[in-house]
Amino acid sequence: QEKTRGDAGQITAALIAEAAEEGDPFSISLLREAASYLGNGLAMAVNLINPERIVLGGGVSKSGVVFWKTLQQTTEYFILPQMHADIRPAALGDDAPLWGAVAMAERMLS
C-alpha cells in the first residue's frame, strides 16, 4: 500500500517483483502462483514438442528469483522423466521480439 498510496491501479508486475524481493509475503505468494501456472503450461509444451530451450522475455523476465525458482521447479516437476526444460530469460530483454522480427525479415529477403 505504501508504494501505490492505496491506488490499486498503480500495481504492476515490476512492483510485485520488487516487493517480493523485499520479503513481502503477499507478493511472494502471487509470484509463486503465477510461476506455477506458467511452469505447468511450459511443462505441457515441453512434453509435446521437446524444445531445446525456452526463452522468456518481456516483464516476466524481470520477475526476480522467487518467480524463476518456482517456474523452474514446477516445470521440472511436470515434465516427463526423459525430458529437460532449459528455461532462460531473453538476453535482449524487451527488444527480443524486435530483433527476432529483423532476423526473420533478413532471411525472407535473402
PDB file of N, CA and C in Angstrom:
ATOM      1  N   GLN A   1       0.811  -1.192   0.000  1.00  0.00           N
ATOM      2  CA  GLN A   1       0.000   0.000   0.000  1.00  0.00           C
ATOM      3  C   GLN A   1       0.854   1.256   0.000  1.00  0.00           C
ATOM      4  N   GLU A   2       1.996   1.195   0.653  1.00  0.00           N
ATOM      5  CA  GLU A   2       2.855   2.378   0.721  1.00  0.00           C
ATOM      6  C   GLU A   2       3.324   2.802  -0.671  1.00  0.00           C
ATOM      7  N   LYS A   3       3.710   1.847  -1.491  1.00  0.00           N
ATOM      8  CA  LYS A   3       4.284   2.164  -2.799  1.00  0.00           C
ATOM      9  C   LYS A   3       3.233   2.648  -3.792  1.00  0.00           C
ATOM     10  N   THR A   4       1.987   2.253  -3.586  1.00  0.00           N
ATOM     11  CA  THR A   4       0.926   2.655  -4.513  1.00  0.00           C
ATOM     12  C   THR A   4       0.002   3.704  -3.903  1.00  0.00           C
ATOM     13  N   ARG A   5       0.265   4.050  -2.656  1.00  0.00           N
ATOM     14  CA  ARG A   5      -0.581   5.013  -1.927  1.00  0.00           C
ATOM     15  C   ARG A   5      -2.054   4.595  -1.945  1.00  0.00           C
ATOM     16  N   GLY A   6      -2.286   3.277  -1.856  1.00  0.00           N
ATOM     17  CA  GLY A   6      -3.642   2.753  -1.806  1.00  0.00           C
ATOM     18  C   GLY A   6      -4.359   2.691  -3.145  1.00  0.00           C
ATOM     19  N   ASP A   7      -3.701   3.062  -4.238  1.00  0.00           N
ATOM     20  CA  ASP A   7      -4.310   3.048  -5.569  1.00  0.00           C
ATOM     21  C   ASP A   7      -3.956   1.740  -6.272  1.00  0.00           C
ATOM     22  N   ALA A   8      -4.912   0.823  -6.337  1.00  0.00           N
ATOM     23  CA  ALA A   8      -4.681  -0.490  -6.954  1.00  0.00           C
ATOM     24  C   ALA A   8      -4.296  -0.374  -8.424  1.00  0.00           C
ATOM     25  N   GLY A   9      -4.669   0.705  -9.080  1.00  0.00           N
ATOM     26  CA  GLY A   9      -4.325   0.916 -10.479  1.00  0.00           C
ATOM     27  C   GLY A   9      -2.833   1.128 -10.699  1.00  0.00           C
ATOM     28  N   GLN A  10      -2.110   1.402  -9.635  1.00  0.00           N
ATOM     29  CA  GLN A  10      -0.663   1.623  -9.726  1.00  0.00           C
ATOM     30  C   GLN A  10       0.149   0.339  -9.575  1.00  0.00           C
ATOM     31  N   ILE A  11      -0.520  -0.772  -9.289  1.00  0.00           N
ATOM     32  CA  ILE A  11       0.181  -2.044  -9.089  1.00  0.00           C
ATOM     33  C   ILE A  11       0.636  -2.590 -10.437  1.00  0.00           C
ATOM     34  N   THR A  12       1.920  -2.920 -10.522  1.00  0.00           N
ATOM     35  CA  THR A  12       2.490  -3.506 -11.737  1.00  0.00           C
ATOM     36  C   THR A  12       3.219  -4.787 -11.368  1.00  0.00           C
ATOM     37  N   ALA A  13       3.520  -5.591 -12.369  1.00  0.00           N
ATOM     38  CA  ALA A  13       4.284  -6.817 -12.129  1.00  0.00           C
ATOM     39  C   ALA A  13       5.657  -6.479 -11.563  1.00  0.00           C
ATOM     40  N   ALA A  14       6.255  -5.407 -12.049  1.00  0.00           N
ATOM     41  CA  ALA A  14       7.570  -4.995 -11.548  1.00  0.00           C
ATOM     42  C   ALA A  14       7.500  -4.623 -10.070  1.00  0.00           C
ATOM     43  N   LEU A  15       6.441  -3.959  -9.681  1.00  0.00           N
ATOM     44  CA  LEU A  15       6.264  -3.558  -8.283  1.00  0.00           C
ATOM     45  C   LEU A  15       6.067  -4.791  -7.398  1.00  0.00           C
ATOM     46  N   ILE A  16       5.331  -5.764  -7.887  1.00  0.00           N
ATOM     47  CA  ILE A  16       5.131  -7.001  -7.124  1.00  0.00           C
ATOM     48  C   ILE A  16       6.446  -7.750  -6.987  1.00  0.00           C
ATOM     49  N   ALA A  17       7.231  -7.811  -8.066  1.00  0.00           N
ATOM     50  CA  ALA A  17       8.531  -8.480  -8.016  1.00  0.00           C
ATOM     51  C   ALA A  17       9.457  -7.777  -7.029  1.00  0.00           C
ATOM     52  N   GLU A  18       9.440  -6.462  -7.033  1.00  0.00           N
ATOM     53  CA  GLU A  18      10.271  -5.687  -6.106  1.00  0.00           C
ATOM     54  C   GLU A  18       9.856  -5.957  -4.663  1.00  0.00           C
ATOM     55  N   ALA A  19       8.558  -5.962  -4.406  1.00  0.00           N
ATOM     56  CA  ALA A  19       8.064  -6.219  -3.056  1.00  0.00           C
ATOM     57  C   ALA A  19       8.409  -7.646  -2.612  1.00  0.00           C
ATOM     58  N   ALA A  20       8.345  -8.605  -3.540  1.00  0.00           N
ATOM     59  CA  ALA A  20       8.705  -9.987  -3.212  1.00  0.00           C
ATOM     60  C   ALA A  20      10.174 -10.088  -2.837  1.00  0.00           C
ATOM     61  N   GLU A  21      11.030  -9.397  -3.586  1.00  0.00           N
ATOM     62  CA  GLU A  21      12.467  -9.400  -3.274  1.00  0.00           C
ATOM     63  C   GLU A  21      12.730  -8.790  -1.898  1.00  0.00           C
ATOM     64  N   GLU A  22      11.857  -7.881  -1.469  1.00  0.00           N
ATOM     65  CA  GLU A  22      11.981  -7.253  -0.151  1.00  0.00           C
ATOM     66  C   GLU A  22      11.360  -8.106   0.949  1.00  0.00           C
ATOM     67  N   GLY A  23      10.749  -9.249   0.550  1.00  0.00           N
ATOM     68  CA  GLY A  23      10.210 -10.181   1.533  1.00  0.00           C
ATOM     69  C   GLY A  23       8.725 -10.073   1.813  1.00  0.00           C
ATOM     70  N   ASP A  24       7.978  -9.303   1.024  1.00  0.00           N
ATOM     71  CA  ASP A  24       6.541  -9.168   1.242  1.00  0.00           C
ATOM     72  C   ASP A  24       5.839 -10.502   0.990  1.00  0.00           C
ATOM     73  N   PRO A  25       5.193 -11.092   2.001  1.00  0.00           N
ATOM     74  CA  PRO A  25       4.585 -12.418   1.854  1.00  0.00           C
ATOM     75  C   PRO A  25       3.504 -12.496   0.774  1.00  0.00           C
ATOM     76  N   PHE A  26       2.669 -11.469   0.658  1.00  0.00           N
ATOM     77  CA  PHE A  26       1.607 -11.487  -0.338  1.00  0.00           C
ATOM     78  C   PHE A  26       2.186 -11.473  -1.752  1.00  0.00           C
ATOM     79  N   SER A  27       3.185 -10.647  -1.974  1.00  0.00           N
ATOM     80  CA  SER A  27       3.820 -10.573  -3.291  1.00  0.00           C
ATOM     81  C   SER A  27       4.525 -11.877  -3.639  1.00  0.00           C
ATOM     82  N   ILE A  28       5.178 -12.469  -2.656  1.00  0.00           N
ATOM     83  CA  ILE A  28       5.836 -13.768  -2.871  1.00  0.00           C
ATOM     84  C   ILE A  28       4.801 -14.808  -3.269  1.00  0.00           C
ATOM     85  N   SER A  29       3.666 -14.805  -2.590  1.00  0.00           N
ATOM     86  CA  SER A  29       2.590 -15.745  -2.891  1.00  0.00           C
ATOM     87  C   SER A  29       2.060 -15.547  -4.312  1.00  0.00           C
ATOM     88  N   LEU A  30       1.864 -14.298  -4.703  1.00  0.00           N
ATOM     89  CA  LEU A  30       1.388 -14.005  -6.062  1.00  0.00           C
ATOM     90  C   LEU A  30       2.372 -14.503  -7.115  1.00  0.00           C
ATOM     91  N   LEU A  31       3.657 -14.221  -6.911  1.00  0.00           N
ATOM     92  CA  LEU A  31       4.663 -14.648  -7.886  1.00  0.00           C
ATOM     93  C   LEU A  31       4.752 -16.162  -7.972  1.00  0.00           C
ATOM     94  N   ARG A  32       4.680 -16.813  -6.826  1.00  0.00           N
ATOM     95  CA  ARG A  32       4.738 -18.281  -6.830  1.00  0.00           C
ATOM     96  C   ARG A  32       3.544 -18.881  -7.562  1.00  0.00           C
ATOM     97  N   GLU A  33       2.374 -18.309  -7.341  1.00  0.00           N
ATOM     98  CA  GLU A  33       1.185 -18.826  -8.018  1.00  0.00           C
ATOM     99  C   GLU A  33       1.288 -18.613  -9.527  1.00  0.00           C
ATOM    100  N   ALA A  34       1.675 -17.424  -9.942  1.00  0.00           N
ATOM    101  CA  ALA A  34       1.812 -17.140 -11.376  1.00  0.00           C
ATOM    102  C   ALA A  34       2.864 -18.042 -12.011  1.00  0.00           C
ATOM    103  N   ALA A  35       3.999 -18.211 -11.336  1.00  0.00           N
ATOM    104  CA  ALA A  35       5.074 -19.050 -11.859  1.00  0.00           C
ATOM    105  C   ALA A  35       4.643 -20.511 -11.943  1.00  0.00           C
ATOM    106  N   SER A  36       3.832 -20.946 -10.995  1.00  0.00           N
ATOM    107  CA  SER A  36       3.344 -22.326 -11.019  1.00  0.00           C
ATOM    108  C   SER A  36       2.440 -22.578 -12.213  1.00  0.00           C
ATOM    109  N   TYR A  37       1.540 -21.632 -12.487  1.00  0.00           N
ATOM    110  CA  TYR A  37       0.660 -21.780 -13.657  1.00  0.00           C
ATOM    111  C   TYR A  37       1.471 -21.776 -14.950  1.00  0.00           C
ATOM    112  N   LEU A  38       2.407 -20.843 -15.059  1.00  0.00           N
ATOM    113  CA  LEU A  38       3.227 -20.787 -16.267  1.00  0.00           C
ATOM    114  C   LEU A  38       4.097 -22.033 -16.385  1.00  0.00           C
ATOM    115  N   GLY A  39       4.668 -22.486 -15.291  1.00  0.00           N
ATOM    116  CA  GLY A  39       5.503 -23.688 -15.299  1.00  0.00           C
ATOM    117  C   GLY A  39       4.727 -24.918 -15.733  1.00  0.00           C
ATOM    118  N   ASN A  40       3.491 -25.014 -15.288  1.00  0.00           N
ATOM    119  CA  ASN A  40       2.645 -26.135 -15.694  1.00  0.00           C
ATOM    120  C   ASN A  40       2.393 -26.084 -17.202  1.00  0.00           C
ATOM    121  N   GLY A  41       2.088 -24.899 -17.714  1.00  0.00           N
ATOM    122  CA  GLY A  41       1.870 -24.751 -19.152  1.00  0.00           C
ATOM    123  C   GLY A  41       3.121 -25.038 -19.964  1.00  0.00           C
ATOM    124  N   LEU A  42       4.257 -24.550 -19.479  1.00  0.00           N
ATOM    125  CA  LEU A  42       5.516 -24.819 -20.188  1.00  0.00           C
ATOM    126  C   LEU A  42       5.837 -26.310 -20.176  1.00  0.00           C
ATOM    127  N   ALA A  43       5.537 -26.975 -19.078  1.00  0.00           N
ATOM    128  CA  ALA A  43       5.782 -28.422 -18.999  1.00  0.00           C
ATOM    129  C   ALA A  43       4.974 -29.164 -20.057  1.00  0.00           C
ATOM    130  N   MET A  44       3.734 -28.734 -20.260  1.00  0.00           N
ATOM    131  CA  MET A  44       2.912 -29.370 -21.298  1.00  0.00           C
ATOM    132  C   MET A  44       3.537 -29.169 -22.677  1.00  0.00           C
ATOM    133  N   ALA A  45       4.043 -27.962 -22.927  1.00  0.00           N
ATOM    134  CA  ALA A  45       4.696 -27.686 -24.210  1.00  0.00           C
ATOM    135  C   ALA A  45       5.956 -28.530 -24.371  1.00  0.00           C
ATOM    136  N   VAL A  46       6.741 -28.649 -23.315  1.00  0.00           N
ATOM    137  CA  VAL A  46       7.958 -29.467 -23.365  1.00  0.00           C
ATOM    138  C   VAL A  46       7.591 -30.917 -23.651  1.00  0.00           C
ATOM    139  N   ASN A  47       6.561 -31.419 -22.984  1.00  0.00           N
ATOM    140  CA  ASN A  47       6.142 -32.810 -23.199  1.00  0.00           C
ATOM    141  C   ASN A  47       5.651 -33.050 -24.621  1.00  0.00           C
ATOM    142  N   LEU A  48       5.071 -32.035 -25.238  1.00  0.00           N
ATOM    143  CA  LEU A  48       4.543 -32.189 -26.596  1.00  0.00           C
ATOM    144  C   LEU A  48       5.597 -32.031 -27.679  1.00  0.00           C
ATOM    145  N   ILE A  49       6.451 -31.009 -27.542  1.00  0.00           N
ATOM    146  CA  ILE A  49       7.368 -30.711 -28.652  1.00  0.00           C
ATOM    147  C   ILE A  49       8.844 -30.810 -28.289  1.00  0.00           C
ATOM    148  N   ASN A  50       9.164 -31.006 -27.022  1.00  0.00           N
ATOM    149  CA  ASN A  50      10.531 -31.205 -26.560  1.00  0.00           C
ATOM    150  C   ASN A  50      11.508 -30.164 -27.130  1.00  0.00           C
ATOM    151  N   PRO A  51      11.279 -28.880 -26.860  1.00  0.00           N
ATOM    152  CA  PRO A  51      12.192 -27.859 -27.386  1.00  0.00           C
ATOM    153  C   PRO A  51      13.557 -27.926 -26.694  1.00  0.00           C
ATOM    154  N   GLU A  52      14.564 -27.496 -27.398  1.00  0.00           N
ATOM    155  CA  GLU A  52      15.910 -27.480 -26.830  1.00  0.00           C
ATOM    156  C   GLU A  52      16.025 -26.428 -25.730  1.00  0.00           C
ATOM    157  N   ARG A  53      15.324 -25.302 -25.920  1.00  0.00           N
ATOM    158  CA  ARG A  53      15.393 -24.208 -24.949  1.00  0.00           C
ATOM    159  C   ARG A  53      14.109 -23.394 -25.034  1.00  0.00           C
ATOM    160  N   ILE A  54      13.714 -22.832 -23.904  1.00  0.00           N
ATOM    161  CA  ILE A  54      12.574 -21.917 -23.849  1.00  0.00           C
ATOM    162  C   ILE A  54      13.114 -20.582 -23.365  1.00  0.00           C
ATOM    163  N   VAL A  55      12.875 -19.535 -24.152  1.00  0.00           N
ATOM    164  CA  VAL A  55      13.352 -18.195 -23.818  1.00  0.00           C
ATOM    165  C   VAL A  55      12.144 -17.311 -23.536  1.00  0.00           C
ATOM    166  N   LEU A  56      12.119 -16.728 -22.350  1.00  0.00           N
ATOM    167  CA  LEU A  56      11.018 -15.851 -21.955  1.00  0.00           C
ATOM    168  C   LEU A  56      11.505 -14.416 -21.880  1.00  0.00           C
ATOM    169  N   GLY A  57      10.756 -13.525 -22.490  1.00  0.00           N
ATOM    170  CA  GLY A  57      11.120 -12.109 -22.472  1.00  0.00           C
ATOM    171  C   GLY A  57      10.015 -11.276 -21.881  1.00  0.00           C
ATOM    172  N   GLY A  58      10.139  -9.979 -22.033  1.00  0.00           N
ATOM    173  CA  GLY A  58       9.145  -9.053 -21.504  1.00  0.00           C
ATOM    174  C   GLY A  58       9.230  -8.930 -19.998  1.00  0.00           C
ATOM    175  N   GLY A  59       8.140  -8.523 -19.399  1.00  0.00           N
ATOM    176  CA  GLY A  59       8.106  -8.288 -17.957  1.00  0.00           C
ATOM    177  C   GLY A  59       8.414  -9.514 -17.127  1.00  0.00           C
ATOM    178  N   VAL A  60       8.017 -10.687 -17.631  1.00  0.00           N
ATOM    179  CA  VAL A  60       8.247 -11.909 -16.869  1.00  0.00           C
ATOM    180  C   VAL A  60       9.737 -12.189 -16.675  1.00  0.00           C
ATOM    181  N   SER A  61      10.546 -11.737 -17.600  1.00  0.00           N
ATOM    182  CA  SER A  61      11.987 -11.985 -17.489  1.00  0.00           C
ATOM    183  C   SER A  61      12.631 -11.172 -16.370  1.00  0.00           C
ATOM    184  N   LYS A  62      11.882 -10.227 -15.820  1.00  0.00           N
ATOM    185  CA  LYS A  62      12.395  -9.379 -14.742  1.00  0.00           C
ATOM    186  C   LYS A  62      11.687  -9.648 -13.417  1.00  0.00           C
ATOM    187  N   SER A  63      11.090 -10.821 -13.280  1.00  0.00           N
ATOM    188  CA  SER A  63      10.249 -11.104 -12.117  1.00  0.00           C
ATOM    189  C   SER A  63      10.995 -11.559 -10.878  1.00  0.00           C
ATOM    190  N   GLY A  64      12.285 -11.689 -10.936  1.00  0.00           N
ATOM    191  CA  GLY A  64      13.062 -11.978  -9.739  1.00  0.00           C
ATOM    192  C   GLY A  64      13.263 -13.451  -9.440  1.00  0.00           C
ATOM    193  N   VAL A  65      14.035 -13.686  -8.407  1.00  0.00           N
ATOM    194  CA  VAL A  65      14.466 -15.025  -8.029  1.00  0.00           C
ATOM    195  C   VAL A  65      13.299 -15.927  -7.630  1.00  0.00           C
ATOM    196  N   VAL A  66      12.370 -15.415  -6.853  1.00  0.00           N
ATOM    197  CA  VAL A  66      11.227 -16.216  -6.399  1.00  0.00           C
ATOM    198  C   VAL A  66      10.466 -16.768  -7.598  1.00  0.00           C
ATOM    199  N   PHE A  67      10.193 -15.924  -8.558  1.00  0.00           N
ATOM    200  CA  PHE A  67       9.457 -16.334  -9.752  1.00  0.00           C
ATOM    201  C   PHE A  67      10.230 -17.392 -10.529  1.00  0.00           C
ATOM    202  N   TRP A  68      11.496 -17.117 -10.838  1.00  0.00           N
ATOM    203  CA  TRP A  68      12.277 -18.032 -11.674  1.00  0.00           C
ATOM    204  C   TRP A  68      12.512 -19.381 -11.001  1.00  0.00           C
ATOM    205  N   LYS A  69      12.748 -19.370  -9.708  1.00  0.00           N
ATOM    206  CA  LYS A  69      12.969 -20.633  -8.990  1.00  0.00           C
ATOM    207  C   LYS A  69      11.698 -21.482  -9.014  1.00  0.00           C
ATOM    208  N   THR A  70      10.561 -20.858  -8.746  1.00  0.00           N
ATOM    209  CA  THR A  70       9.284 -21.579  -8.757  1.00  0.00           C
ATOM    210  C   THR A  70       8.953 -22.067 -10.161  1.00  0.00           C
ATOM    211  N   LEU A  71       9.194 -21.233 -11.158  1.00  0.00           N
ATOM    212  CA  LEU A  71       8.938 -21.614 -12.550  1.00  0.00           C
ATOM    213  C   LEU A  71       9.737 -22.851 -12.928  1.00  0.00           C
ATOM    214  N   GLN A  72      11.023 -22.834 -12.628  1.00  0.00           N
ATOM    215  CA  GLN A  72      11.889 -23.962 -12.970  1.00  0.00           C
ATOM    216  C   GLN A  72      11.469 -25.230 -12.227  1.00  0.00           C
ATOM    217  N   GLN A  73      11.195 -25.107 -10.927  1.00  0.00           N
ATOM    218  CA  GLN A  73      10.800 -26.272 -10.131  1.00  0.00           C
ATOM    219  C   GLN A  73       9.487 -26.869 -10.635  1.00  0.00           C
ATOM    220  N   THR A  74       8.521 -26.021 -10.930  1.00  0.00           N
ATOM    221  CA  THR A  74       7.220 -26.504 -11.391  1.00  0.00           C
ATOM    222  C   THR A  74       7.348 -27.180 -12.747  1.00  0.00           C
ATOM    223  N   THR A  75       8.078 -26.562 -13.645  1.00  0.00           N
ATOM    224  CA  THR A  75       8.250 -27.148 -14.978  1.00  0.00           C
ATOM    225  C   THR A  75       8.937 -28.508 -14.877  1.00  0.00           C
ATOM    226  N   GLU A  76       9.998 -28.578 -14.115  1.00  0.00           N
ATOM    227  CA  GLU A  76      10.720 -29.853 -13.954  1.00  0.00           C
ATOM    228  C   GLU A  76       9.824 -30.926 -13.330  1.00  0.00           C
ATOM    229  N   TYR A  77       8.967 -30.534 -12.411  1.00  0.00           N
ATOM    230  CA  TYR A  77       8.076 -31.484 -11.737  1.00  0.00           C
ATOM    231  C   TYR A  77       7.086 -32.122 -12.714  1.00  0.00           C
ATOM    232  N   PHE A  78       6.576 -31.322 -13.664  1.00  0.00           N
ATOM    233  CA  PHE A  78       5.516 -31.802 -14.539  1.00  0.00           C
ATOM    234  C   PHE A  78       5.982 -32.366 -15.880  1.00  0.00           C
ATOM    235  N   ILE A  79       7.268 -32.251 -16.209  1.00  0.00           N
ATOM    236  CA  ILE A  79       7.704 -32.822 -17.489  1.00  0.00           C
ATOM    237  C   ILE A  79       7.986 -34.309 -17.333  1.00  0.00           C
ATOM    238  N   LEU A  80       7.969 -34.994 -18.455  1.00  0.00           N
ATOM    239  CA  LEU A  80       8.259 -36.423 -18.466  1.00  0.00           C
ATOM    240  C   LEU A  80       9.705 -36.660 -18.047  1.00  0.00           C
ATOM    241  N   PRO A  81       9.989 -37.799 -17.441  1.00  0.00           N
ATOM    242  CA  PRO A  81      11.340 -38.058 -16.910  1.00  0.00           C
ATOM    243  C   PRO A  81      12.467 -37.928 -17.936  1.00  0.00           C
ATOM    244  N   GLN A  82      12.215 -38.260 -19.185  1.00  0.00           N
ATOM    245  CA  GLN A  82      13.260 -38.211 -20.205  1.00  0.00           C
ATOM    246  C   GLN A  82      13.445 -36.825 -20.816  1.00  0.00           C
ATOM    247  N   MET A  83      12.642 -35.878 -20.401  1.00  0.00           N
ATOM    248  CA  MET A  83      12.699 -34.523 -20.950  1.00  0.00           C
ATOM    249  C   MET A  83      13.540 -33.614 -20.046  1.00  0.00           C
ATOM    250  N   HIS A  84      13.936 -32.485 -20.620  1.00  0.00           N
ATOM    251  CA  HIS A  84      14.675 -31.460 -19.868  1.00  0.00           C
ATOM    252  C   HIS A  84      14.127 -30.093 -20.262  1.00  0.00           C
ATOM    253  N   ALA A  85      14.004 -29.213 -19.290  1.00  0.00           N
ATOM    254  CA  ALA A  85      13.485 -27.868 -19.558  1.00  0.00           C
ATOM    255  C   ALA A  85      14.569 -26.831 -19.282  1.00  0.00           C
ATOM    256  N   ASP A  86      15.174 -26.322 -20.342  1.00  0.00           N
ATOM    257  CA  ASP A  86      16.172 -25.260 -20.225  1.00  0.00           C
ATOM    258  C   ASP A  86      15.438 -23.935 -20.452  1.00  0.00           C
ATOM    259  N   ILE A  87      15.053 -23.290 -19.359  1.00  0.00           N
ATOM    260  CA  ILE A  87      14.269 -22.054 -19.435  1.00  0.00           C
ATOM    261  C   ILE A  87      15.173 -20.893 -19.037  1.00  0.00           C
ATOM    262  N   ARG A  88      15.214 -19.883 -19.899  1.00  0.00           N
ATOM    263  CA  ARG A  88      16.086 -18.735 -19.645  1.00  0.00           C
ATOM    264  C   ARG A  88      15.386 -17.426 -19.980  1.00  0.00           C
ATOM    265  N   PRO A  89      15.819 -16.362 -19.313  1.00  0.00           N
ATOM    266  CA  PRO A  89      15.296 -15.043 -19.693  1.00  0.00           C
ATOM    267  C   PRO A  89      15.946 -14.601 -21.000  1.00  0.00           C
ATOM    268  N   ALA A  90      15.215 -13.837 -21.780  1.00  0.00           N
ATOM    269  CA  ALA A  90      15.739 -13.339 -23.051  1.00  0.00           C
ATOM    270  C   ALA A  90      16.938 -12.433 -22.809  1.00  0.00           C
ATOM    271  N   ALA A  91      18.028 -12.718 -23.481  1.00  0.00           N
ATOM    272  CA  ALA A  91      19.246 -11.921 -23.321  1.00  0.00           C
ATOM    273  C   ALA A  91      19.053 -10.499 -23.822  1.00  0.00           C
ATOM    274  N   LEU A  92      18.154 -10.315 -24.777  1.00  0.00           N
ATOM    275  CA  LEU A  92      17.926  -8.993 -25.347  1.00  0.00           C
ATOM    276  C   LEU A  92      16.810  -8.239 -24.629  1.00  0.00           C
ATOM    277  N   GLY A  93      16.282  -8.822 -23.557  1.00  0.00           N
ATOM    278  CA  GLY A  93      15.255  -8.150 -22.774  1.00  0.00           C
ATOM    279  C   GLY A  93      14.012  -7.849 -23.595  1.00  0.00           C
ATOM    280  N   ASP A  94      13.472  -6.658 -23.417  1.00  0.00           N
ATOM    281  CA  ASP A  94      12.236  -6.279 -24.087  1.00  0.00           C
ATOM    282  C   ASP A  94      12.401  -6.105 -25.594  1.00  0.00           C
ATOM    283  N   ASP A  95      13.635  -6.007 -26.084  1.00  0.00           N
ATOM    284  CA  ASP A  95      13.879  -5.833 -27.514  1.00  0.00           C
ATOM    285  C   ASP A  95      13.952  -7.158 -28.272  1.00  0.00           C
ATOM    286  N   ALA A  96      13.851  -8.282 -27.574  1.00  0.00           N
ATOM    287  CA  ALA A  96      13.983  -9.591 -28.226  1.00  0.00           C
ATOM    288  C   ALA A  96      13.002  -9.786 -29.375  1.00  0.00           C
ATOM    289  N   PRO A  97      11.697  -9.457 -29.222  1.00  0.00           N
ATOM    290  CA  PRO A  97      10.788  -9.656 -30.360  1.00  0.00           C
ATOM    291  C   PRO A  97      11.165  -8.813 -31.575  1.00  0.00           C
ATOM    292  N   LEU A  98      11.644  -7.609 -31.331  1.00  0.00           N
ATOM    293  CA  LEU A  98      12.046  -6.731 -32.428  1.00  0.00           C
ATOM    294  C   LEU A  98      13.215  -7.342 -33.198  1.00  0.00           C
ATOM    295  N   TRP A  99      14.237  -7.800 -32.475  1.00  0.00           N
ATOM    296  CA  TRP A  99      15.399  -8.386 -33.142  1.00  0.00           C
ATOM    297  C   TRP A  99      15.047  -9.700 -33.830  1.00  0.00           C
ATOM    298  N   GLY A 100      14.099 -10.446 -33.269  1.00  0.00           N
ATOM    299  CA  GLY A 100      13.622 -11.663 -33.926  1.00  0.00           C
ATOM    300  C   GLY A 100      12.942 -11.347 -35.244  1.00  0.00           C
ATOM    301  N   ALA A 101      12.144 -10.287 -35.255  1.00  0.00           N
ATOM    302  CA  ALA A 101      11.469  -9.865 -36.486  1.00  0.00           C
ATOM    303  C   ALA A 101      12.480  -9.401 -37.530  1.00  0.00           C
ATOM    304  N   VAL A 102      13.513  -8.702 -37.092  1.00  0.00           N
ATOM    305  CA  VAL A 102      14.562  -8.255 -38.013  1.00  0.00           C
ATOM    306  C   VAL A 102      15.263  -9.460 -38.639  1.00  0.00           C
ATOM    307  N   ALA A 103      15.603 -10.435 -37.813  1.00  0.00           N
ATOM    308  CA  ALA A 103      16.280 -11.634 -38.322  1.00  0.00           C
ATOM    309  C   ALA A 103      15.396 -12.396 -39.302  1.00  0.00           C
ATOM    310  N   MET A 104      14.106 -12.477 -38.994  1.00  0.00           N
ATOM    311  CA  MET A 104      13.178 -13.174 -39.876  1.00  0.00           C
ATOM    312  C   MET A 104      13.048 -12.437 -41.217  1.00  0.00           C
ATOM    313  N   ALA A 105      12.971 -11.120 -41.174  1.00  0.00           N
ATOM    314  CA  ALA A 105      12.868 -10.328 -42.403  1.00  0.00           C
ATOM    315  C   ALA A 105      14.128 -10.485 -43.249  1.00  0.00           C
ATOM    316  N   GLU A 106      15.293 -10.512 -42.607  1.00  0.00           N
ATOM    317  CA  GLU A 106      16.547 -10.685 -43.357  1.00  0.00           C
ATOM    318  C   GLU A 106      16.564 -12.037 -44.064  1.00  0.00           C
ATOM    319  N   ARG A 107      16.092 -13.078 -43.394  1.00  0.00           N
ATOM    320  CA  ARG A 107      16.053 -14.408 -44.014  1.00  0.00           C
ATOM    321  C   ARG A 107      15.106 -14.440 -45.200  1.00  0.00           C
ATOM    322  N   MET A 108      13.974 -13.763 -45.051  1.00  0.00           N
ATOM    323  CA  MET A 108      12.976 -13.765 -46.132  1.00  0.00           C
ATOM    324  C   MET A 108      13.482 -13.003 -47.344  1.00  0.00           C
ATOM    325  N   LEU A 109      14.302 -11.965 -47.125  1.00  0.00           N
ATOM    326  CA  LEU A 109      14.785 -11.147 -48.217  1.00  0.00           C
ATOM    327  C   LEU A 109      16.060 -11.681 -48.872  1.00  0.00           C
ATOM    328  N   SER A 110      16.706 -12.679 -48.248  1.00  0.00           N
ATOM    329  CA  SER A 110      17.942 -13.195 -48.841  1.00  0.00           C
ATOM    330  C   SER A 110      17.687 -14.342 -49.759  1.00  0.00           C
TER     331      SER A 110
END
